[in-house]
Amino acid sequence: MERAGEFTIRHARWSHEADAIRSVRQRVFIDEQGVLPDEEWDDLDPSCHHLLAVDERGEAVGCTR
């Protein structure tokens, strides 16, 4: 079994990190769980509080909204 690496959770601003947040949500909710894109993407993201989990290389590995 592969051991999970270290990661950091930090506040993220949609205006600066939308691409990283969208990438995680695309993979998890749309690609893996089959959520329709129209249900996942709305106009609320710019005003929501986001957290972003990044691995040791700075790659986005998780997020919350």
N, C-alpha and C. Protein backbone atom coordinates (compact mmCIF):
# COMPACT_ATOMS: atom_id res chain seq x y z
N MET A 1 0.85 -1.18 0.00
CA MET A 1 0.00 0.00 0.00
C MET A 1 0.89 1.24 0.00
N GLU A 2 0.53 2.21 -0.82
CA GLU A 2 1.29 3.45 -0.90
C GLU A 2 0.94 4.35 0.28
N ARG A 3 1.95 4.92 0.89
CA ARG A 3 1.74 5.81 2.03
C ARG A 3 1.41 7.21 1.53
N ALA A 4 0.38 7.80 2.11
CA ALA A 4 0.01 9.17 1.74
C ALA A 4 1.09 10.13 2.21
N GLY A 5 1.41 11.10 1.39
CA GLY A 5 2.40 12.10 1.75
C GLY A 5 1.84 13.16 2.67
N GLU A 6 2.70 14.05 3.08
CA GLU A 6 2.29 15.16 3.92
C GLU A 6 1.52 16.17 3.08
N PHE A 7 0.60 16.87 3.72
CA PHE A 7 -0.11 17.93 3.03
C PHE A 7 -0.42 19.04 4.02
N THR A 8 -0.73 20.20 3.48
CA THR A 8 -1.06 21.38 4.26
C THR A 8 -2.42 21.89 3.81
N ILE A 9 -3.22 22.32 4.77
CA ILE A 9 -4.51 22.92 4.46
C ILE A 9 -4.41 24.40 4.76
N ARG A 10 -4.84 25.21 3.78
CA ARG A 10 -4.75 26.66 3.96
C ARG A 10 -5.95 27.34 3.33
N HIS A 11 -6.17 28.58 3.74
CA HIS A 11 -7.22 29.40 3.13
C HIS A 11 -6.82 29.68 1.69
N ALA A 12 -7.82 29.71 0.81
CA ALA A 12 -7.56 30.00 -0.60
C ALA A 12 -8.56 31.03 -1.08
N ARG A 13 -8.09 31.96 -1.87
CA ARG A 13 -8.98 32.97 -2.46
C ARG A 13 -9.34 32.54 -3.87
N TRP A 14 -10.62 32.48 -4.15
CA TRP A 14 -11.10 32.09 -5.47
C TRP A 14 -10.46 32.94 -6.56
N SER A 15 -10.32 34.22 -6.29
CA SER A 15 -9.77 35.12 -7.31
C SER A 15 -8.34 34.78 -7.69
N HIS A 16 -7.61 34.10 -6.82
CA HIS A 16 -6.21 33.76 -7.09
C HIS A 16 -5.98 32.28 -7.37
N GLU A 17 -6.87 31.42 -6.86
CA GLU A 17 -6.61 29.98 -6.96
C GLU A 17 -7.78 29.18 -7.51
N ALA A 18 -8.61 29.83 -8.31
CA ALA A 18 -9.77 29.16 -8.89
C ALA A 18 -9.36 27.93 -9.71
N ASP A 19 -8.27 28.02 -10.46
CA ASP A 19 -7.86 26.89 -11.29
C ASP A 19 -7.56 25.65 -10.46
N ALA A 20 -6.84 25.82 -9.35
CA ALA A 20 -6.50 24.69 -8.49
C ALA A 20 -7.76 24.10 -7.84
N ILE A 21 -8.63 24.97 -7.36
CA ILE A 21 -9.87 24.51 -6.72
C ILE A 21 -10.76 23.80 -7.74
N ARG A 22 -10.91 24.39 -8.91
CA ARG A 22 -11.74 23.79 -9.95
C ARG A 22 -11.18 22.42 -10.37
N SER A 23 -9.87 22.30 -10.43
CA SER A 23 -9.25 21.04 -10.83
C SER A 23 -9.63 19.91 -9.87
N VAL A 24 -9.54 20.18 -8.59
CA VAL A 24 -9.89 19.16 -7.58
C VAL A 24 -11.38 18.82 -7.68
N ARG A 25 -12.23 19.83 -7.73
CA ARG A 25 -13.67 19.59 -7.79
C ARG A 25 -14.08 18.87 -9.07
N GLN A 26 -13.43 19.18 -10.17
CA GLN A 26 -13.70 18.49 -11.43
C GLN A 26 -13.40 17.00 -11.29
N ARG A 27 -12.22 16.68 -10.76
CA ARG A 27 -11.82 15.27 -10.61
C ARG A 27 -12.73 14.51 -9.67
N VAL A 28 -12.99 15.11 -8.50
CA VAL A 28 -13.73 14.40 -7.46
C VAL A 28 -15.23 14.34 -7.74
N PHE A 29 -15.84 15.48 -7.96
CA PHE A 29 -17.29 15.50 -8.05
C PHE A 29 -17.83 15.16 -9.43
N ILE A 30 -17.24 15.72 -10.47
CA ILE A 30 -17.77 15.50 -11.81
C ILE A 30 -17.26 14.19 -12.40
N ASP A 31 -15.94 14.01 -12.43
CA ASP A 31 -15.36 12.81 -13.05
C ASP A 31 -15.61 11.54 -12.24
N GLU A 32 -15.35 11.58 -10.92
CA GLU A 32 -15.46 10.37 -10.10
C GLU A 32 -16.88 10.09 -9.60
N GLN A 33 -17.60 11.13 -9.19
CA GLN A 33 -18.92 10.92 -8.59
C GLN A 33 -20.07 11.16 -9.55
N GLY A 34 -19.80 11.67 -10.74
CA GLY A 34 -20.85 11.83 -11.73
C GLY A 34 -21.79 13.00 -11.52
N VAL A 35 -21.37 13.99 -10.71
CA VAL A 35 -22.20 15.18 -10.53
C VAL A 35 -22.22 15.94 -11.86
N LEU A 36 -23.38 16.42 -12.25
CA LEU A 36 -23.49 17.18 -13.48
C LEU A 36 -22.78 18.53 -13.33
N PRO A 37 -22.06 18.96 -14.34
CA PRO A 37 -21.35 20.25 -14.26
C PRO A 37 -22.27 21.41 -13.89
N ASP A 38 -23.48 21.42 -14.39
CA ASP A 38 -24.42 22.50 -14.06
C ASP A 38 -24.77 22.54 -12.58
N GLU A 39 -24.66 21.39 -11.91
CA GLU A 39 -24.93 21.34 -10.47
C GLU A 39 -23.70 21.72 -9.66
N GLU A 40 -22.53 21.46 -10.19
CA GLU A 40 -21.29 21.75 -9.45
C GLU A 40 -20.88 23.21 -9.54
N TRP A 41 -21.02 23.80 -10.71
CA TRP A 41 -20.54 25.17 -10.92
C TRP A 41 -21.69 26.16 -10.81
N ASP A 42 -21.52 27.14 -9.95
CA ASP A 42 -22.53 28.19 -9.79
C ASP A 42 -21.82 29.53 -9.62
N ASP A 43 -22.58 30.55 -9.37
CA ASP A 43 -22.01 31.89 -9.25
C ASP A 43 -21.61 32.24 -7.82
N LEU A 44 -21.65 31.27 -6.90
CA LEU A 44 -21.37 31.55 -5.50
C LEU A 44 -19.88 31.48 -5.14
N ASP A 45 -19.09 30.80 -5.95
CA ASP A 45 -17.68 30.59 -5.59
C ASP A 45 -16.92 31.86 -5.23
N PRO A 46 -17.07 32.95 -5.98
CA PRO A 46 -16.31 34.15 -5.62
C PRO A 46 -16.60 34.69 -4.22
N SER A 47 -17.77 34.42 -3.69
CA SER A 47 -18.12 34.95 -2.37
C SER A 47 -18.04 33.90 -1.27
N CYS A 48 -17.65 32.68 -1.60
CA CYS A 48 -17.55 31.61 -0.60
C CYS A 48 -16.17 31.55 0.03
N HIS A 49 -16.11 30.92 1.19
CA HIS A 49 -14.86 30.66 1.89
C HIS A 49 -14.32 29.32 1.39
N HIS A 50 -13.08 29.30 0.95
CA HIS A 50 -12.47 28.07 0.42
C HIS A 50 -11.24 27.70 1.24
N LEU A 51 -11.03 26.40 1.40
CA LEU A 51 -9.79 25.85 1.94
C LEU A 51 -9.20 24.97 0.86
N LEU A 52 -7.88 24.96 0.77
CA LEU A 52 -7.19 24.17 -0.24
C LEU A 52 -6.13 23.33 0.44
N ALA A 53 -6.12 22.03 0.14
CA ALA A 53 -5.08 21.13 0.64
C ALA A 53 -4.05 20.97 -0.47
N VAL A 54 -2.79 21.20 -0.13
CA VAL A 54 -1.70 21.06 -1.11
C VAL A 54 -0.67 20.09 -0.56
N ASP A 55 -0.09 19.30 -1.48
CA ASP A 55 0.92 18.33 -1.06
C ASP A 55 2.29 19.01 -0.94
N GLU A 56 3.30 18.20 -0.71
CA GLU A 56 4.66 18.70 -0.49
C GLU A 56 5.21 19.47 -1.69
N ARG A 57 4.67 19.20 -2.87
CA ARG A 57 5.13 19.87 -4.09
C ARG A 57 4.29 21.10 -4.42
N GLY A 58 3.26 21.37 -3.60
CA GLY A 58 2.37 22.49 -3.86
C GLY A 58 1.21 22.16 -4.76
N GLU A 59 1.03 20.87 -5.08
CA GLU A 59 -0.07 20.42 -5.93
C GLU A 59 -1.36 20.33 -5.12
N ALA A 60 -2.46 20.81 -5.68
CA ALA A 60 -3.76 20.73 -5.02
C ALA A 60 -4.21 19.28 -4.93
N VAL A 61 -4.56 18.84 -3.71
CA VAL A 61 -5.01 17.46 -3.50
C VAL A 61 -6.38 17.38 -2.84
N GLY A 62 -6.94 18.51 -2.44
CA GLY A 62 -8.26 18.53 -1.82
C GLY A 62 -8.72 19.95 -1.62
N CYS A 63 -10.02 20.13 -1.41
CA CYS A 63 -10.55 21.47 -1.16
C CYS A 63 -11.91 21.38 -0.48
N THR A 64 -12.31 22.50 0.10
CA THR A 64 -13.65 22.64 0.67
C THR A 64 -14.20 23.98 0.25
N ARG A 65 -15.51 24.07 0.31
CA ARG A 65 -16.18 25.34 0.04
C ARG A 65 -17.24 25.51 1.09
